N, C-alpha and C. Protein backbone atom coordinates (compact mmCIF):
# COMPACT_ATOMS: atom_id res chain seq x y z
N UNK A 1 134.80 94.76 155.47
CA UNK A 1 133.81 93.83 155.97
C UNK A 1 132.53 94.00 155.16
N UNK A 2 132.01 92.93 154.64
CA UNK A 2 130.77 93.02 153.88
C UNK A 2 129.61 92.65 154.77
N UNK A 3 128.51 93.29 154.52
CA UNK A 3 127.34 93.04 155.35
C UNK A 3 126.21 92.45 154.54
N UNK A 4 125.44 91.64 155.18
CA UNK A 4 124.27 91.04 154.55
C UNK A 4 123.04 91.37 155.36
N UNK A 5 122.00 91.61 154.67
CA UNK A 5 120.72 91.84 155.34
C UNK A 5 119.82 90.66 155.00
N UNK A 6 119.33 90.01 156.02
CA UNK A 6 118.42 88.91 155.82
C UNK A 6 117.02 89.34 156.22
N UNK A 7 116.12 89.15 155.32
CA UNK A 7 114.73 89.48 155.60
C UNK A 7 113.95 88.18 155.69
N UNK A 8 113.11 88.12 156.68
CA UNK A 8 112.24 86.95 156.79
C UNK A 8 110.80 87.41 156.73
N UNK A 9 110.01 86.62 156.07
CA UNK A 9 108.59 86.93 155.92
C UNK A 9 107.78 85.73 156.38
N UNK A 10 106.72 86.03 156.99
CA UNK A 10 105.78 84.98 157.36
C UNK A 10 105.12 84.47 156.10
N UNK A 11 104.87 83.16 156.00
CA UNK A 11 104.16 82.64 154.83
C UNK A 11 102.78 83.28 154.65
N UNK A 12 102.20 83.77 155.72
CA UNK A 12 100.87 84.39 155.64
C UNK A 12 100.89 85.63 154.75
N UNK A 13 102.04 86.33 154.69
CA UNK A 13 102.15 87.53 153.87
C UNK A 13 101.91 87.17 152.40
N UNK A 14 102.41 86.03 151.97
CA UNK A 14 102.30 85.64 150.58
C UNK A 14 101.02 84.87 150.28
N UNK A 15 100.37 84.35 151.30
CA UNK A 15 99.19 83.53 151.07
C UNK A 15 97.88 84.33 151.05
N UNK A 16 97.96 85.61 151.22
CA UNK A 16 96.75 86.44 151.22
C UNK A 16 96.38 86.78 149.79
N UNK A 17 95.74 85.85 149.14
CA UNK A 17 95.36 86.02 147.74
C UNK A 17 93.98 86.66 147.63
N UNK A 18 93.75 87.26 146.50
CA UNK A 18 92.43 87.81 146.19
C UNK A 18 91.59 86.67 145.65
N UNK A 19 90.37 86.55 146.15
CA UNK A 19 89.50 85.49 145.67
C UNK A 19 88.04 85.94 145.72
N UNK A 20 87.22 85.23 144.97
CA UNK A 20 85.78 85.42 145.01
C UNK A 20 85.22 84.31 145.90
N UNK A 21 84.49 84.68 146.95
CA UNK A 21 83.95 83.63 147.82
C UNK A 21 83.01 82.71 147.06
N UNK A 22 83.12 81.41 147.28
CA UNK A 22 82.20 80.48 146.60
C UNK A 22 80.75 80.77 146.96
N UNK A 23 79.86 80.55 146.01
CA UNK A 23 78.43 80.75 146.21
C UNK A 23 77.96 79.94 147.43
N UNK A 24 77.21 80.59 148.30
CA UNK A 24 76.65 80.00 149.51
C UNK A 24 77.69 79.60 150.55
N UNK A 25 78.93 80.08 150.41
CA UNK A 25 79.96 79.79 151.41
C UNK A 25 79.70 80.62 152.66
N UNK A 26 80.34 80.24 153.74
CA UNK A 26 80.21 80.97 155.01
C UNK A 26 80.64 82.43 154.82
N UNK A 27 81.75 82.63 154.12
CA UNK A 27 82.26 83.99 153.90
C UNK A 27 81.26 84.82 153.11
N UNK A 28 80.73 84.27 152.02
CA UNK A 28 79.76 85.00 151.22
C UNK A 28 78.53 85.36 152.05
N UNK A 29 78.03 84.40 152.80
CA UNK A 29 76.83 84.63 153.61
C UNK A 29 77.07 85.70 154.68
N UNK A 30 78.23 85.66 155.35
CA UNK A 30 78.53 86.65 156.38
C UNK A 30 78.63 88.06 155.82
N UNK A 31 79.30 88.21 154.68
CA UNK A 31 79.49 89.52 154.06
C UNK A 31 78.15 90.09 153.57
N UNK A 32 77.39 89.28 152.86
CA UNK A 32 76.10 89.75 152.34
C UNK A 32 75.14 90.05 153.48
N UNK A 33 75.16 89.24 154.52
CA UNK A 33 74.30 89.48 155.69
C UNK A 33 74.64 90.82 156.36
N UNK A 34 75.93 91.11 156.52
CA UNK A 34 76.35 92.38 157.12
C UNK A 34 75.91 93.56 156.25
N UNK A 35 76.04 93.44 154.95
CA UNK A 35 75.64 94.51 154.04
C UNK A 35 74.12 94.70 154.06
N UNK A 36 73.37 93.60 154.00
CA UNK A 36 71.90 93.70 154.05
C UNK A 36 71.43 94.37 155.33
N UNK A 37 72.04 94.00 156.46
CA UNK A 37 71.66 94.58 157.75
C UNK A 37 71.88 96.10 157.75
N UNK A 38 73.00 96.54 157.17
CA UNK A 38 73.31 97.98 157.11
C UNK A 38 72.33 98.71 156.18
N UNK A 39 72.09 98.13 155.00
CA UNK A 39 71.16 98.75 154.05
C UNK A 39 69.76 98.85 154.66
N UNK A 40 69.30 97.76 155.27
CA UNK A 40 67.97 97.76 155.89
C UNK A 40 67.90 98.77 157.04
N UNK A 41 68.95 98.83 157.87
CA UNK A 41 68.97 99.76 159.00
C UNK A 41 68.92 101.21 158.55
N UNK A 42 69.46 101.48 157.36
CA UNK A 42 69.47 102.84 156.84
C UNK A 42 68.17 103.20 156.12
N UNK A 43 67.21 102.28 156.12
CA UNK A 43 65.90 102.59 155.56
C UNK A 43 65.72 102.36 154.08
N UNK A 44 66.71 101.75 153.44
CA UNK A 44 66.57 101.41 152.03
C UNK A 44 65.69 100.16 151.98
N UNK A 45 64.89 100.03 150.93
CA UNK A 45 64.00 98.87 150.83
C UNK A 45 64.77 97.57 151.07
N UNK A 46 64.15 96.63 151.76
CA UNK A 46 64.78 95.33 151.99
C UNK A 46 65.19 94.74 150.64
N UNK A 47 66.39 94.21 150.59
CA UNK A 47 66.93 93.78 149.31
C UNK A 47 67.57 92.41 149.39
N UNK A 48 67.55 91.73 148.27
CA UNK A 48 68.32 90.51 148.08
C UNK A 48 69.55 90.94 147.30
N UNK A 49 70.73 90.67 147.83
CA UNK A 49 71.97 91.12 147.18
C UNK A 49 72.48 90.01 146.26
N UNK A 50 72.63 90.35 145.00
CA UNK A 50 73.16 89.41 144.01
C UNK A 50 74.48 89.96 143.48
N UNK A 51 75.60 89.51 144.03
CA UNK A 51 76.89 90.08 143.62
C UNK A 51 77.21 89.83 142.15
N UNK A 52 77.60 90.89 141.48
CA UNK A 52 78.06 90.79 140.09
C UNK A 52 79.59 90.80 140.07
N UNK A 53 80.20 91.45 141.05
CA UNK A 53 81.65 91.49 141.22
C UNK A 53 81.90 91.38 142.72
N UNK A 54 82.72 90.44 143.14
CA UNK A 54 82.88 90.16 144.57
C UNK A 54 84.30 89.66 144.80
N UNK A 55 85.09 90.43 145.54
CA UNK A 55 86.47 90.03 145.82
C UNK A 55 86.79 90.21 147.30
N UNK A 56 87.61 89.29 147.81
CA UNK A 56 88.05 89.31 149.21
C UNK A 56 89.56 89.13 149.23
N UNK A 57 90.20 89.88 150.11
CA UNK A 57 91.62 89.70 150.38
C UNK A 57 91.84 89.96 151.86
N UNK A 58 92.34 88.95 152.55
CA UNK A 58 92.60 89.06 153.98
C UNK A 58 91.30 89.44 154.69
N UNK A 59 91.30 90.57 155.36
CA UNK A 59 90.11 91.00 156.10
C UNK A 59 89.32 92.10 155.39
N UNK A 60 89.49 92.22 154.07
CA UNK A 60 88.79 93.22 153.28
C UNK A 60 87.92 92.55 152.23
N UNK A 61 86.77 93.14 151.94
CA UNK A 61 85.89 92.64 150.88
C UNK A 61 85.28 93.82 150.13
N UNK A 62 85.12 93.65 148.84
CA UNK A 62 84.47 94.65 148.01
C UNK A 62 83.48 93.92 147.11
N UNK A 63 82.29 94.50 146.97
CA UNK A 63 81.34 93.90 146.04
C UNK A 63 80.52 94.96 145.34
N UNK A 64 80.13 94.60 144.14
CA UNK A 64 79.16 95.35 143.35
C UNK A 64 78.04 94.37 143.04
N UNK A 65 76.85 94.83 143.18
CA UNK A 65 75.75 93.92 142.90
C UNK A 65 74.47 94.64 142.56
N UNK A 66 73.49 93.84 142.24
CA UNK A 66 72.16 94.34 141.94
C UNK A 66 71.21 93.85 143.01
N UNK A 67 70.87 94.68 143.97
CA UNK A 67 69.86 94.27 144.94
C UNK A 67 68.50 94.20 144.26
N UNK A 68 67.65 93.38 144.78
CA UNK A 68 66.29 93.25 144.28
C UNK A 68 65.39 93.22 145.50
N UNK A 69 64.38 94.05 145.49
CA UNK A 69 63.47 94.05 146.64
C UNK A 69 62.77 92.70 146.72
N UNK A 70 62.32 92.34 147.90
CA UNK A 70 61.64 91.07 148.09
C UNK A 70 60.44 90.96 147.17
N UNK A 71 60.09 89.74 146.81
CA UNK A 71 59.01 89.48 145.86
C UNK A 71 57.68 90.05 146.31
N UNK A 72 57.52 90.28 147.61
CA UNK A 72 56.25 90.81 148.12
C UNK A 72 56.10 92.30 147.83
N UNK A 73 57.17 92.96 147.44
CA UNK A 73 57.12 94.39 147.14
C UNK A 73 57.29 94.59 145.64
N UNK A 74 57.08 95.80 145.19
CA UNK A 74 57.30 96.11 143.77
C UNK A 74 58.78 95.89 143.45
N UNK A 75 59.05 95.23 142.34
CA UNK A 75 60.44 94.97 141.98
C UNK A 75 61.13 96.26 141.54
N UNK A 76 62.31 96.43 142.04
CA UNK A 76 63.09 97.62 141.69
C UNK A 76 64.56 97.24 141.77
N UNK A 77 65.26 97.41 140.69
CA UNK A 77 66.68 97.08 140.63
C UNK A 77 67.51 98.35 140.74
N UNK A 78 68.60 98.28 141.45
CA UNK A 78 69.52 99.40 141.54
C UNK A 78 70.90 98.88 141.88
N UNK A 79 71.91 99.67 141.61
CA UNK A 79 73.29 99.27 141.88
C UNK A 79 73.63 99.44 143.34
N UNK A 80 74.49 98.56 143.83
CA UNK A 80 75.05 98.73 145.17
C UNK A 80 76.55 98.44 145.07
N UNK A 81 77.32 99.26 145.76
CA UNK A 81 78.77 99.07 145.86
C UNK A 81 79.10 99.12 147.33
N UNK A 82 79.94 98.19 147.79
CA UNK A 82 80.21 98.13 149.22
C UNK A 82 81.64 97.69 149.51
N UNK A 83 82.20 98.31 150.53
CA UNK A 83 83.52 97.94 151.05
C UNK A 83 83.31 97.51 152.49
N UNK A 84 83.79 96.32 152.83
CA UNK A 84 83.63 95.79 154.18
C UNK A 84 84.99 95.37 154.71
N UNK A 85 85.10 95.38 156.04
CA UNK A 85 86.34 94.96 156.70
C UNK A 85 85.96 94.05 157.85
N UNK A 86 86.71 92.96 157.99
CA UNK A 86 86.45 92.02 159.07
C UNK A 86 87.25 92.43 160.29
N UNK A 87 86.54 92.57 161.40
CA UNK A 87 87.17 92.90 162.67
C UNK A 87 86.80 91.79 163.64
N UNK A 88 87.80 91.03 164.07
CA UNK A 88 87.51 89.86 164.89
C UNK A 88 86.82 88.83 164.01
N UNK A 89 85.61 88.45 164.40
CA UNK A 89 84.88 87.47 163.58
C UNK A 89 83.66 88.09 162.91
N UNK A 90 83.63 89.43 162.84
CA UNK A 90 82.46 90.12 162.30
C UNK A 90 82.85 91.04 161.14
N UNK A 91 82.08 90.97 160.04
CA UNK A 91 82.28 91.86 158.91
C UNK A 91 81.52 93.16 159.18
N UNK A 92 82.21 94.28 158.96
CA UNK A 92 81.60 95.60 159.15
C UNK A 92 81.61 96.37 157.83
N UNK A 93 80.51 97.04 157.55
CA UNK A 93 80.42 97.85 156.34
C UNK A 93 81.18 99.14 156.59
N UNK A 94 82.20 99.37 155.80
CA UNK A 94 83.00 100.60 155.91
C UNK A 94 82.32 101.71 155.11
N UNK A 95 81.86 101.38 153.92
CA UNK A 95 81.19 102.36 153.07
C UNK A 95 80.35 101.60 152.06
N UNK A 96 79.17 102.14 151.76
CA UNK A 96 78.38 101.57 150.67
C UNK A 96 77.62 102.68 149.98
N UNK A 97 77.28 102.44 148.73
CA UNK A 97 76.51 103.38 147.94
C UNK A 97 75.42 102.60 147.22
N UNK A 98 74.25 103.16 147.15
CA UNK A 98 73.15 102.57 146.42
C UNK A 98 72.78 103.51 145.29
N UNK A 99 72.69 102.96 144.08
CA UNK A 99 72.27 103.76 142.93
C UNK A 99 73.28 104.78 142.47
N UNK A 100 74.56 104.57 142.77
CA UNK A 100 75.57 105.56 142.40
C UNK A 100 76.12 105.32 141.01
N UNK A 101 76.89 106.29 140.52
CA UNK A 101 77.49 106.14 139.20
C UNK A 101 78.67 105.17 139.24
N UNK A 102 79.21 104.89 138.09
CA UNK A 102 80.27 103.89 137.98
C UNK A 102 81.59 104.29 138.63
N UNK A 103 81.82 105.56 138.88
CA UNK A 103 83.13 106.00 139.36
C UNK A 103 83.14 106.47 140.81
N UNK A 104 82.02 106.39 141.49
CA UNK A 104 81.93 106.91 142.85
C UNK A 104 82.85 106.19 143.83
N UNK A 105 83.19 104.94 143.55
CA UNK A 105 84.02 104.14 144.44
C UNK A 105 85.48 104.03 143.98
N UNK A 106 85.84 104.81 143.00
CA UNK A 106 87.13 104.70 142.34
C UNK A 106 88.33 104.84 143.29
N UNK A 107 88.24 105.65 144.30
CA UNK A 107 89.37 105.90 145.19
C UNK A 107 89.18 105.35 146.60
N UNK A 108 88.23 104.47 146.78
CA UNK A 108 88.02 103.90 148.12
C UNK A 108 89.26 103.19 148.64
N UNK A 109 90.01 102.55 147.75
CA UNK A 109 91.21 101.84 148.21
C UNK A 109 92.20 102.82 148.87
N UNK A 110 92.30 104.03 148.33
CA UNK A 110 93.16 105.05 148.93
C UNK A 110 92.55 105.62 150.19
N UNK A 111 91.29 105.99 150.10
CA UNK A 111 90.59 106.63 151.22
C UNK A 111 90.58 105.76 152.48
N UNK A 112 90.42 104.45 152.31
CA UNK A 112 90.29 103.56 153.46
C UNK A 112 91.48 102.62 153.64
N UNK A 113 92.53 102.84 152.85
CA UNK A 113 93.75 102.01 152.93
C UNK A 113 93.43 100.53 152.73
N UNK A 114 92.56 100.26 151.78
CA UNK A 114 92.16 98.89 151.45
C UNK A 114 93.02 98.38 150.29
N UNK A 115 93.17 97.07 150.15
CA UNK A 115 93.97 96.55 149.05
C UNK A 115 93.35 96.88 147.68
N UNK A 116 94.13 97.50 146.84
CA UNK A 116 93.63 97.90 145.51
C UNK A 116 93.19 96.69 144.68
N UNK A 117 93.78 95.55 144.96
CA UNK A 117 93.53 94.34 144.17
C UNK A 117 92.07 93.84 144.27
N UNK A 118 91.31 94.28 145.25
CA UNK A 118 89.93 93.79 145.37
C UNK A 118 88.95 94.62 144.55
N UNK A 119 89.43 95.72 143.99
CA UNK A 119 88.55 96.61 143.21
C UNK A 119 88.65 96.28 141.72
N UNK A 120 87.55 96.55 140.98
CA UNK A 120 87.60 96.27 139.54
C UNK A 120 88.54 97.21 138.80
């Protein structure tokens, strides 16, 4: 007797593509707003986040950017790297670094079980 195994997959499994949120989209605004709120709450100078690398897959987002303090303060540029996860309808900052080196986020995908495809 020969046996067959049939596997079925939901189309959602295959439709979870990696993408960069369009400029000024709802997704971009929600993610950047969540990151700004966390950075501000931690006492880092208020910043405007300008993503240089920004990827989303399913409920995960990763971005690298150059924050810039508001025009009313002395201008100061520094790197920011952030990993966020959407829970329900809210994006939460899982981890972020300000002013870190290029390799500090290298293993976040392993550490937080995030999709590797969203990282550079």
